[in-house]
Protein backbone atom coordinates (compact mmCIF):
# COMPACT_ATOMS: atom_id res chain seq x y z
CA UNK A 1 0.00 0.00 0.00
CA UNK A 2 1.29 3.44 -0.97
CA UNK A 3 1.27 6.07 1.78
CA UNK A 4 -0.16 9.33 0.42
CA UNK A 5 -0.64 12.59 2.29
CA UNK A 6 -2.43 15.81 1.38
CA UNK A 7 -0.09 18.02 -0.65
CA UNK A 8 1.94 15.20 -2.23
CA UNK A 9 2.55 15.37 -5.99
CA UNK A 10 1.80 12.09 -7.80
CA UNK A 11 3.18 11.37 -11.27
CA UNK A 12 0.83 9.07 -13.17
CA UNK A 13 1.60 6.63 -16.02
CA UNK A 14 -0.86 8.28 -18.41
CA UNK A 15 -1.10 11.99 -19.20
CA UNK A 16 -4.19 14.14 -18.70
CA UNK A 17 -5.60 15.57 -21.97
CA UNK A 18 -4.04 18.95 -21.06
CA UNK A 19 -0.59 17.29 -21.30
CA UNK A 20 0.35 17.15 -17.61
CA UNK A 21 1.03 13.84 -15.85
CA UNK A 22 1.41 15.32 -12.35
CA UNK A 23 -1.46 15.51 -9.84
CA UNK A 24 -1.65 17.12 -6.39
CA UNK A 25 -3.35 15.10 -3.63
CA UNK A 26 -6.21 17.13 -2.13
CA UNK A 27 -8.04 14.50 -0.03
CA UNK A 28 -7.07 11.02 1.15
CA UNK A 29 -9.35 8.19 2.24
CA UNK A 30 -10.95 5.19 0.55
CA UNK A 31 -11.15 7.49 -2.47
CA UNK A 32 -8.41 9.98 -3.35
CA UNK A 33 -9.17 13.45 -4.71
CA UNK A 34 -6.56 14.78 -7.12
CA UNK A 35 -6.03 18.13 -8.83
CA UNK A 36 -4.21 18.32 -12.18
CA UNK A 37 -1.05 20.45 -11.94
CA UNK A 38 -1.57 21.64 -15.53
CA UNK A 39 -5.20 22.77 -15.72
CA UNK A 40 -6.36 22.36 -12.07
CA UNK A 41 -9.11 19.89 -13.08
CA UNK A 42 -10.19 17.86 -10.03
CA UNK A 43 -11.02 14.14 -10.07
CA UNK A 44 -11.84 11.49 -7.48
CA UNK A 45 -10.37 8.01 -7.98
CA UNK A 46 -10.45 4.82 -5.95
CA UNK A 47 -7.27 4.25 -3.94
CA UNK A 48 -6.58 1.03 -5.91
CA UNK A 49 -6.65 2.93 -9.23
CA UNK A 50 -4.23 5.56 -7.94
CA UNK A 51 -1.85 2.91 -6.58
CA UNK A 52 -1.97 0.96 -9.85
CA UNK A 53 -1.28 3.98 -12.10
CA UNK A 54 1.28 5.84 -9.96
CA UNK A 55 4.76 6.12 -11.43
CA UNK A 56 6.43 8.39 -8.85
CA UNK A 57 5.57 10.39 -5.70
CA UNK A 58 7.08 13.70 -4.62
CA UNK A 59 6.50 14.04 -0.89
CA UNK A 60 5.33 17.36 0.54
CA UNK A 61 7.94 18.40 3.11
């Protein structure tokens, strides 16, 4: 299980239609709310989908 915290930047395997592949974690729970770093579009995904499609995590210090 990947440990995510609010404020972390997650790099996904696939790009968003705007061209960005980085997402900021807004809310963590059974579902994870993400905001696109390119266009600020917000989505809610199941934790399993986020864990499966995550390539890299930049921790918020």
